[in-house]
Amino acid sequence: MSYIQQSLGAGETIIGRAHFHCLYLTAAWLSLLIPGALLLAALAQAQAQPDPYTGGAGVLFLLGLIVFLRMMIRKWSMEIGVTSHRFVEKYGLLSMKTNEIALPNIEGVRVNQSILGKLFGYGTVRIEGTGVDSVTTPTIADPVGFVRAIQTAKEHLAGR
């Protein structure tokens, strides 16, 4: 069960969740597969005796593995969502850190998208609250839809 589901209060429901864009996953896999292919090619070329290319390809593969694991652990350990009462961001694999802002305390929400982000549908969302530092999400898919979920939750809360 996710942290957001575990932390729901009485009468609180999940309005929306943010997800990493598929390009994030693609970049993670490419950081592993391209150096892996170079290592395999260098090993096939070297045959019996090692050459400097094999060592360099091995180092590149290790760096790619580190980048891959770092990106995937971030993806596996992060939750971002909006409930009917608050914005919630949880991250951390072995330890846990959260950022939560009650919906009435949200003063402003900003979407930041580059040209590629606009074309492919990804970007960051910055949420500014009263008495709280702002929280900026990592690059997520459909940031405009996530802002829409925040606005829907705020309107739902105001209509009670």
N, C-alpha and C. Protein backbone atom coordinates (compact mmCIF):
# COMPACT_ATOMS: atom_id res chain seq x y z
N MET A 1 0.84 -1.18 0.00
CA MET A 1 0.00 0.00 0.00
C MET A 1 0.89 1.24 0.00
N SER A 2 0.50 2.22 -0.76
CA SER A 2 1.31 3.42 -0.89
C SER A 2 1.18 4.31 0.34
N TYR A 3 2.15 5.21 0.49
CA TYR A 3 2.14 6.14 1.61
C TYR A 3 0.89 7.01 1.57
N ILE A 4 0.52 7.48 0.40
CA ILE A 4 -0.63 8.37 0.29
C ILE A 4 -1.90 7.66 0.75
N GLN A 5 -2.07 6.40 0.34
CA GLN A 5 -3.25 5.64 0.78
C GLN A 5 -3.23 5.42 2.29
N GLN A 6 -2.04 5.14 2.85
CA GLN A 6 -1.93 4.90 4.28
C GLN A 6 -2.22 6.15 5.10
N SER A 7 -1.92 7.31 4.55
CA SER A 7 -2.05 8.55 5.32
C SER A 7 -3.38 9.26 5.13
N LEU A 8 -4.31 8.66 4.42
CA LEU A 8 -5.61 9.31 4.21
C LEU A 8 -6.37 9.43 5.52
N GLY A 9 -6.94 10.61 5.72
CA GLY A 9 -7.77 10.84 6.90
C GLY A 9 -9.21 10.42 6.63
N ALA A 10 -10.05 10.59 7.63
CA ALA A 10 -11.47 10.24 7.49
C ALA A 10 -12.11 11.12 6.42
N GLY A 11 -12.76 10.51 5.47
CA GLY A 11 -13.44 11.24 4.40
C GLY A 11 -12.52 11.81 3.34
N GLU A 12 -11.24 11.51 3.41
CA GLU A 12 -10.26 12.03 2.44
C GLU A 12 -10.10 11.04 1.30
N THR A 13 -10.09 11.54 0.08
CA THR A 13 -9.92 10.68 -1.09
C THR A 13 -8.78 11.20 -1.96
N ILE A 14 -8.24 10.33 -2.77
CA ILE A 14 -7.18 10.70 -3.70
C ILE A 14 -7.81 11.28 -4.96
N ILE A 15 -7.41 12.49 -5.30
CA ILE A 15 -7.94 13.16 -6.50
C ILE A 15 -7.07 12.87 -7.72
N GLY A 16 -5.76 12.92 -7.54
CA GLY A 16 -4.86 12.69 -8.66
C GLY A 16 -3.46 12.32 -8.19
N ARG A 17 -2.75 11.65 -9.07
CA ARG A 17 -1.35 11.27 -8.80
C ARG A 17 -0.49 11.73 -9.97
N ALA A 18 0.74 12.06 -9.66
CA ALA A 18 1.70 12.42 -10.70
C ALA A 18 2.56 11.19 -10.97
N HIS A 19 2.98 11.06 -12.22
CA HIS A 19 3.82 9.93 -12.63
C HIS A 19 5.00 10.46 -13.43
N PHE A 20 6.08 9.71 -13.40
CA PHE A 20 7.22 10.07 -14.24
C PHE A 20 6.85 9.82 -15.70
N HIS A 21 7.36 10.66 -16.57
CA HIS A 21 7.10 10.53 -18.00
C HIS A 21 7.84 9.32 -18.55
N CYS A 22 7.33 8.73 -19.62
CA CYS A 22 7.96 7.55 -20.21
C CYS A 22 9.36 7.86 -20.73
N LEU A 23 9.65 9.11 -21.07
CA LEU A 23 11.00 9.47 -21.49
C LEU A 23 12.00 9.35 -20.36
N TYR A 24 11.55 9.50 -19.12
CA TYR A 24 12.43 9.30 -17.96
C TYR A 24 12.88 7.85 -17.91
N LEU A 25 11.95 6.94 -18.08
CA LEU A 25 12.26 5.51 -18.09
C LEU A 25 13.15 5.16 -19.28
N THR A 26 12.88 5.75 -20.42
CA THR A 26 13.70 5.52 -21.61
C THR A 26 15.13 5.99 -21.38
N ALA A 27 15.30 7.16 -20.80
CA ALA A 27 16.65 7.67 -20.52
C ALA A 27 17.38 6.76 -19.54
N ALA A 28 16.68 6.24 -18.54
CA ALA A 28 17.30 5.34 -17.58
C ALA A 28 17.80 4.07 -18.27
N TRP A 29 16.95 3.49 -19.09
CA TRP A 29 17.35 2.25 -19.79
C TRP A 29 18.46 2.50 -20.80
N LEU A 30 18.42 3.63 -21.49
CA LEU A 30 19.48 3.92 -22.45
C LEU A 30 20.82 4.14 -21.76
N SER A 31 20.80 4.70 -20.55
CA SER A 31 22.04 4.90 -19.81
C SER A 31 22.67 3.57 -19.41
N LEU A 32 21.88 2.52 -19.40
CA LEU A 32 22.39 1.18 -19.09
C LEU A 32 22.70 0.39 -20.36
N LEU A 33 21.83 0.46 -21.35
CA LEU A 33 21.96 -0.38 -22.54
C LEU A 33 23.07 0.06 -23.50
N ILE A 34 23.23 1.35 -23.69
CA ILE A 34 24.27 1.82 -24.63
C ILE A 34 25.66 1.46 -24.13
N PRO A 35 26.02 1.75 -22.86
CA PRO A 35 27.34 1.30 -22.38
C PRO A 35 27.45 -0.22 -22.34
N GLY A 36 26.34 -0.92 -22.09
CA GLY A 36 26.36 -2.38 -22.10
C GLY A 36 26.68 -2.93 -23.47
N ALA A 37 26.08 -2.32 -24.51
CA ALA A 37 26.37 -2.74 -25.88
C ALA A 37 27.82 -2.44 -26.25
N LEU A 38 28.34 -1.28 -25.81
CA LEU A 38 29.74 -0.95 -26.06
C LEU A 38 30.68 -1.95 -25.37
N LEU A 39 30.33 -2.35 -24.16
CA LEU A 39 31.14 -3.32 -23.43
C LEU A 39 31.13 -4.67 -24.14
N LEU A 40 29.98 -5.11 -24.58
CA LEU A 40 29.89 -6.38 -25.30
C LEU A 40 30.68 -6.33 -26.61
N ALA A 41 30.60 -5.21 -27.32
CA ALA A 41 31.36 -5.06 -28.56
C ALA A 41 32.86 -5.07 -28.28
N ALA A 42 33.28 -4.39 -27.23
CA ALA A 42 34.71 -4.36 -26.87
C ALA A 42 35.20 -5.74 -26.44
N LEU A 43 34.36 -6.47 -25.70
CA LEU A 43 34.74 -7.83 -25.29
C LEU A 43 34.83 -8.77 -26.49
N ALA A 44 33.92 -8.62 -27.43
CA ALA A 44 33.96 -9.46 -28.63
C ALA A 44 35.17 -9.13 -29.49
N GLN A 45 35.55 -7.87 -29.53
CA GLN A 45 36.69 -7.43 -30.32
C GLN A 45 38.01 -7.86 -29.68
N ALA A 46 38.05 -7.83 -28.36
CA ALA A 46 39.30 -8.13 -27.66
C ALA A 46 39.63 -9.61 -27.70
N GLN A 47 38.66 -10.48 -27.74
CA GLN A 47 38.80 -11.94 -27.76
C GLN A 47 39.73 -12.41 -26.65
N ALA A 48 40.96 -12.77 -26.94
CA ALA A 48 41.84 -13.42 -25.95
C ALA A 48 42.56 -12.42 -25.05
N GLN A 49 43.04 -11.33 -25.59
CA GLN A 49 43.81 -10.40 -24.76
C GLN A 49 43.05 -9.08 -24.59
N PRO A 50 43.02 -8.59 -23.36
CA PRO A 50 42.31 -7.34 -23.12
C PRO A 50 43.03 -6.15 -23.75
N ASP A 51 42.27 -5.19 -24.15
CA ASP A 51 42.84 -3.95 -24.68
C ASP A 51 42.27 -2.77 -23.90
N PRO A 52 42.79 -1.58 -24.11
CA PRO A 52 42.31 -0.43 -23.33
C PRO A 52 40.83 -0.12 -23.57
N TYR A 53 40.31 -0.46 -24.73
CA TYR A 53 38.90 -0.19 -25.02
C TYR A 53 37.98 -1.00 -24.12
N THR A 54 38.40 -2.21 -23.79
CA THR A 54 37.59 -3.06 -22.91
C THR A 54 37.50 -2.44 -21.51
N GLY A 55 38.60 -1.95 -21.00
CA GLY A 55 38.60 -1.30 -19.68
C GLY A 55 37.75 -0.05 -19.68
N GLY A 56 37.89 0.77 -20.73
CA GLY A 56 37.09 1.99 -20.84
C GLY A 56 35.61 1.68 -20.96
N ALA A 57 35.30 0.65 -21.75
CA ALA A 57 33.90 0.26 -21.90
C ALA A 57 33.35 -0.27 -20.59
N GLY A 58 34.19 -0.97 -19.81
CA GLY A 58 33.76 -1.46 -18.50
C GLY A 58 33.46 -0.32 -17.55
N VAL A 59 34.30 0.70 -17.56
CA VAL A 59 34.07 1.88 -16.71
C VAL A 59 32.79 2.59 -17.14
N LEU A 60 32.58 2.75 -18.45
CA LEU A 60 31.34 3.38 -18.93
C LEU A 60 30.12 2.58 -18.52
N PHE A 61 30.23 1.24 -18.57
CA PHE A 61 29.10 0.41 -18.17
C PHE A 61 28.80 0.59 -16.68
N LEU A 62 29.83 0.65 -15.85
CA LEU A 62 29.62 0.86 -14.41
C LEU A 62 28.96 2.22 -14.14
N LEU A 63 29.41 3.25 -14.85
CA LEU A 63 28.79 4.57 -14.70
C LEU A 63 27.33 4.54 -15.16
N GLY A 64 27.08 3.86 -16.27
CA GLY A 64 25.70 3.73 -16.76
C GLY A 64 24.82 2.97 -15.78
N LEU A 65 25.40 1.93 -15.15
CA LEU A 65 24.66 1.17 -14.15
C LEU A 65 24.31 2.04 -12.95
N ILE A 66 25.25 2.86 -12.52
CA ILE A 66 25.00 3.77 -11.39
C ILE A 66 23.89 4.77 -11.74
N VAL A 67 23.96 5.35 -12.95
CA VAL A 67 22.94 6.31 -13.37
C VAL A 67 21.58 5.61 -13.45
N PHE A 68 21.56 4.41 -14.02
CA PHE A 68 20.30 3.65 -14.14
C PHE A 68 19.70 3.38 -12.77
N LEU A 69 20.51 2.86 -11.84
CA LEU A 69 19.99 2.54 -10.51
C LEU A 69 19.51 3.79 -9.78
N ARG A 70 20.24 4.87 -9.92
CA ARG A 70 19.85 6.12 -9.26
C ARG A 70 18.50 6.62 -9.78
N MET A 71 18.33 6.57 -11.09
CA MET A 71 17.06 7.02 -11.68
C MET A 71 15.91 6.10 -11.30
N MET A 72 16.14 4.80 -11.32
CA MET A 72 15.07 3.87 -11.02
C MET A 72 14.69 3.89 -9.54
N ILE A 73 15.67 4.03 -8.65
CA ILE A 73 15.36 4.13 -7.23
C ILE A 73 14.52 5.37 -6.97
N ARG A 74 14.84 6.46 -7.66
CA ARG A 74 14.03 7.68 -7.51
C ARG A 74 12.60 7.43 -7.99
N LYS A 75 12.46 6.73 -9.11
CA LYS A 75 11.13 6.43 -9.65
C LYS A 75 10.36 5.50 -8.70
N TRP A 76 11.02 4.48 -8.18
CA TRP A 76 10.36 3.51 -7.30
C TRP A 76 9.98 4.10 -5.95
N SER A 77 10.74 5.07 -5.46
CA SER A 77 10.55 5.53 -4.09
C SER A 77 9.78 6.84 -3.97
N MET A 78 9.37 7.44 -5.06
CA MET A 78 8.71 8.74 -4.99
C MET A 78 7.22 8.60 -5.29
N GLU A 79 6.43 9.27 -4.49
CA GLU A 79 4.99 9.37 -4.69
C GLU A 79 4.59 10.83 -4.64
N ILE A 80 3.78 11.24 -5.59
CA ILE A 80 3.28 12.61 -5.61
C ILE A 80 1.78 12.53 -5.89
N GLY A 81 0.99 13.19 -5.06
CA GLY A 81 -0.44 13.12 -5.27
C GLY A 81 -1.18 14.28 -4.64
N VAL A 82 -2.44 14.37 -5.00
CA VAL A 82 -3.34 15.37 -4.44
C VAL A 82 -4.53 14.62 -3.89
N THR A 83 -4.86 14.91 -2.64
CA THR A 83 -6.06 14.33 -2.04
C THR A 83 -7.11 15.42 -1.95
N SER A 84 -8.24 15.07 -1.41
CA SER A 84 -9.30 16.06 -1.26
C SER A 84 -8.98 17.11 -0.21
N HIS A 85 -7.85 16.91 0.56
CA HIS A 85 -7.50 17.87 1.60
C HIS A 85 -6.10 18.46 1.46
N ARG A 86 -5.19 17.81 0.71
CA ARG A 86 -3.80 18.25 0.71
C ARG A 86 -3.03 17.75 -0.51
N PHE A 87 -1.88 18.43 -0.72
CA PHE A 87 -0.87 17.98 -1.68
C PHE A 87 0.14 17.15 -0.90
N VAL A 88 0.56 16.01 -1.44
CA VAL A 88 1.50 15.12 -0.75
C VAL A 88 2.62 14.73 -1.71
N GLU A 89 3.87 14.87 -1.21
CA GLU A 89 5.04 14.37 -1.94
C GLU A 89 5.85 13.55 -0.95
N LYS A 90 6.12 12.30 -1.28
CA LYS A 90 6.90 11.41 -0.43
C LYS A 90 8.06 10.87 -1.25
N TYR A 91 9.24 10.87 -0.65
CA TYR A 91 10.39 10.29 -1.33
C TYR A 91 11.30 9.64 -0.31
N GLY A 92 12.14 8.75 -0.81
CA GLY A 92 13.07 8.02 0.05
C GLY A 92 12.79 6.54 -0.02
N LEU A 93 13.86 5.75 -0.07
CA LEU A 93 13.71 4.30 -0.15
C LEU A 93 13.85 3.67 1.24
N LEU A 94 14.98 3.90 1.88
CA LEU A 94 15.19 3.35 3.22
C LEU A 94 14.68 4.29 4.30
N SER A 95 14.87 5.57 4.10
CA SER A 95 14.28 6.57 4.98
C SER A 95 13.17 7.25 4.19
N MET A 96 12.35 8.00 4.87
CA MET A 96 11.22 8.64 4.20
C MET A 96 11.18 10.12 4.56
N LYS A 97 10.95 10.93 3.55
CA LYS A 97 10.75 12.36 3.75
C LYS A 97 9.47 12.74 3.00
N THR A 98 8.70 13.63 3.60
CA THR A 98 7.46 14.05 2.97
C THR A 98 7.35 15.56 2.94
N ASN A 99 6.65 16.05 1.97
CA ASN A 99 6.23 17.45 1.88
C ASN A 99 4.71 17.41 1.72
N GLU A 100 4.02 18.03 2.63
CA GLU A 100 2.56 18.06 2.56
C GLU A 100 2.10 19.50 2.76
N ILE A 101 1.18 19.93 1.91
CA ILE A 101 0.62 21.28 2.02
C ILE A 101 -0.90 21.14 1.97
N ALA A 102 -1.56 21.66 2.98
CA ALA A 102 -3.03 21.65 2.99
C ALA A 102 -3.54 22.50 1.83
N LEU A 103 -4.61 22.05 1.20
CA LEU A 103 -5.14 22.77 0.03
C LEU A 103 -5.47 24.23 0.31
N PRO A 104 -6.06 24.57 1.46
CA PRO A 104 -6.34 25.99 1.70
C PRO A 104 -5.07 26.84 1.80
N ASN A 105 -3.92 26.20 2.09
CA ASN A 105 -2.66 26.93 2.24
C ASN A 105 -1.91 27.08 0.92
N ILE A 106 -2.41 26.52 -0.15
CA ILE A 106 -1.75 26.65 -1.44
C ILE A 106 -2.12 28.00 -2.04
N GLU A 107 -1.10 28.85 -2.21
CA GLU A 107 -1.34 30.19 -2.77
C GLU A 107 -1.17 30.23 -4.28
N GLY A 108 -0.19 29.50 -4.78
CA GLY A 108 0.06 29.55 -6.20
C GLY A 108 0.64 28.24 -6.72
N VAL A 109 0.34 27.96 -7.97
CA VAL A 109 0.85 26.76 -8.63
C VAL A 109 1.39 27.20 -9.98
N ARG A 110 2.63 26.81 -10.26
CA ARG A 110 3.27 27.19 -11.53
C ARG A 110 3.73 25.94 -12.28
N VAL A 111 3.52 25.94 -13.56
CA VAL A 111 4.00 24.87 -14.43
C VAL A 111 5.20 25.39 -15.19
N ASN A 112 6.25 24.58 -15.26
CA ASN A 112 7.44 24.95 -16.01
C ASN A 112 7.71 23.86 -17.04
N GLN A 113 7.59 24.21 -18.32
CA GLN A 113 7.83 23.27 -19.40
C GLN A 113 8.78 23.88 -20.42
N SER A 114 9.76 23.09 -20.83
CA SER A 114 10.63 23.51 -21.91
C SER A 114 9.90 23.27 -23.24
N ILE A 115 10.55 23.60 -24.33
CA ILE A 115 9.93 23.35 -25.64
C ILE A 115 9.69 21.86 -25.83
N LEU A 116 10.71 21.03 -25.52
CA LEU A 116 10.53 19.58 -25.63
C LEU A 116 9.49 19.08 -24.65
N GLY A 117 9.45 19.67 -23.46
CA GLY A 117 8.45 19.30 -22.47
C GLY A 117 7.04 19.58 -22.97
N LYS A 118 6.89 20.69 -23.64
CA LYS A 118 5.57 21.04 -24.20
C LYS A 118 5.19 20.07 -25.32
N LEU A 119 6.17 19.72 -26.16
CA LEU A 119 5.89 18.79 -27.25
C LEU A 119 5.56 17.39 -26.76
N PHE A 120 6.30 16.92 -25.76
CA PHE A 120 6.14 15.54 -25.30
C PHE A 120 5.29 15.41 -24.04
N GLY A 121 4.86 16.51 -23.45
CA GLY A 121 3.94 16.46 -22.33
C GLY A 121 4.57 16.18 -20.98
N TYR A 122 5.70 16.83 -20.68
CA TYR A 122 6.29 16.69 -19.35
C TYR A 122 6.76 18.05 -18.86
N GLY A 123 6.97 18.15 -17.56
CA GLY A 123 7.43 19.40 -16.97
C GLY A 123 7.43 19.29 -15.45
N THR A 124 7.72 20.41 -14.79
CA THR A 124 7.72 20.45 -13.34
C THR A 124 6.58 21.34 -12.86
N VAL A 125 6.15 21.10 -11.64
CA VAL A 125 5.10 21.90 -11.02
C VAL A 125 5.67 22.46 -9.73
N ARG A 126 5.52 23.76 -9.55
CA ARG A 126 5.98 24.42 -8.32
C ARG A 126 4.75 24.86 -7.55
N ILE A 127 4.64 24.40 -6.31
CA ILE A 127 3.50 24.70 -5.47
C ILE A 127 3.97 25.59 -4.33
N GLU A 128 3.36 26.75 -4.22
CA GLU A 128 3.74 27.73 -3.20
C GLU A 128 2.63 27.81 -2.17
N GLY A 129 3.03 27.69 -0.91
CA GLY A 129 2.05 27.72 0.16
C GLY A 129 2.32 28.83 1.15
N THR A 130 1.32 29.14 1.94
CA THR A 130 1.48 30.17 2.98
C THR A 130 2.28 29.59 4.14
N GLY A 131 3.29 30.32 4.56
CA GLY A 131 4.09 29.90 5.68
C GLY A 131 4.95 28.68 5.42
N VAL A 132 4.99 28.22 4.19
CA VAL A 132 5.75 27.03 3.83
C VAL A 132 6.60 27.36 2.61
N ASP A 133 7.81 26.85 2.60
CA ASP A 133 8.59 27.01 1.38
C ASP A 133 7.88 26.34 0.23
N SER A 134 8.23 26.73 -0.96
CA SER A 134 7.60 26.12 -2.11
C SER A 134 8.13 24.70 -2.32
N VAL A 135 7.32 23.88 -2.96
CA VAL A 135 7.69 22.51 -3.29
C VAL A 135 7.67 22.40 -4.80
N THR A 136 8.78 21.93 -5.37
CA THR A 136 8.86 21.71 -6.81
C THR A 136 8.95 20.22 -7.07
N THR A 137 8.06 19.73 -7.88
CA THR A 137 8.06 18.30 -8.21
C THR A 137 9.22 18.01 -9.17
N PRO A 138 9.64 16.76 -9.24
CA PRO A 138 10.56 16.41 -10.31
C PRO A 138 9.80 16.46 -11.63
N THR A 139 10.47 16.20 -12.72
CA THR A 139 9.82 16.22 -14.02
C THR A 139 8.76 15.11 -14.06
N ILE A 140 7.51 15.52 -14.30
CA ILE A 140 6.39 14.57 -14.32
C ILE A 140 5.68 14.63 -15.66
N ALA A 141 4.93 13.58 -15.94
CA ALA A 141 4.09 13.54 -17.14
C ALA A 141 2.84 14.37 -16.87
N ASP A 142 2.36 15.05 -17.87
CA ASP A 142 1.13 15.84 -17.83
C ASP A 142 1.06 16.78 -16.63
N PRO A 143 1.98 17.73 -16.55
CA PRO A 143 1.93 18.66 -15.41
C PRO A 143 0.68 19.53 -15.41
N VAL A 144 0.14 19.84 -16.57
CA VAL A 144 -1.07 20.65 -16.64
C VAL A 144 -2.25 19.86 -16.05
N GLY A 145 -2.32 18.57 -16.33
CA GLY A 145 -3.36 17.72 -15.76
C GLY A 145 -3.24 17.63 -14.24
N PHE A 146 -2.00 17.62 -13.75
CA PHE A 146 -1.79 17.57 -12.30
C PHE A 146 -2.24 18.87 -11.65
N VAL A 147 -1.95 20.00 -12.29
CA VAL A 147 -2.43 21.30 -11.78
C VAL A 147 -3.95 21.32 -11.81
N ARG A 148 -4.54 20.76 -12.85
CA ARG A 148 -6.01 20.67 -12.93
C ARG A 148 -6.56 19.87 -11.75
N ALA A 149 -5.86 18.79 -11.37
CA ALA A 149 -6.29 17.98 -10.22
C ALA A 149 -6.22 18.80 -8.93
N ILE A 150 -5.19 19.62 -8.80
CA ILE A 150 -5.08 20.49 -7.61
C ILE A 150 -6.24 21.49 -7.59
N GLN A 151 -6.52 22.10 -8.73
CA GLN A 151 -7.62 23.07 -8.80
C GLN A 151 -8.97 22.41 -8.52
N THR A 152 -9.16 21.20 -9.05
CA THR A 152 -10.41 20.47 -8.80
C THR A 152 -10.56 20.18 -7.32
N ALA A 153 -9.47 19.76 -6.67
CA ALA A 153 -9.53 19.48 -5.24
C ALA A 153 -9.82 20.74 -4.43
N LYS A 154 -9.20 21.86 -4.83
CA LYS A 154 -9.46 23.12 -4.11
C LYS A 154 -10.90 23.56 -4.28
N GLU A 155 -11.45 23.42 -5.48
CA GLU A 155 -12.84 23.79 -5.71
C GLU A 155 -13.80 22.88 -4.94
N HIS A 156 -13.46 21.59 -4.91
CA HIS A 156 -14.28 20.62 -4.17
C HIS A 156 -14.28 20.96 -2.68
N LEU A 157 -13.10 21.34 -2.15
CA LEU A 157 -12.99 21.68 -0.74
C LEU A 157 -13.74 22.97 -0.42
N ALA A 158 -13.68 23.93 -1.34
CA ALA A 158 -14.36 25.22 -1.12
C ALA A 158 -15.87 25.06 -1.20
N GLY A 159 -16.34 24.07 -1.97
CA GLY A 159 -17.78 23.86 -2.13
C GLY A 159 -18.44 23.16 -0.96
N ARG A 160 -17.65 22.67 0.01
CA ARG A 160 -18.23 21.96 1.16
C ARG A 160 -18.92 22.88 2.11
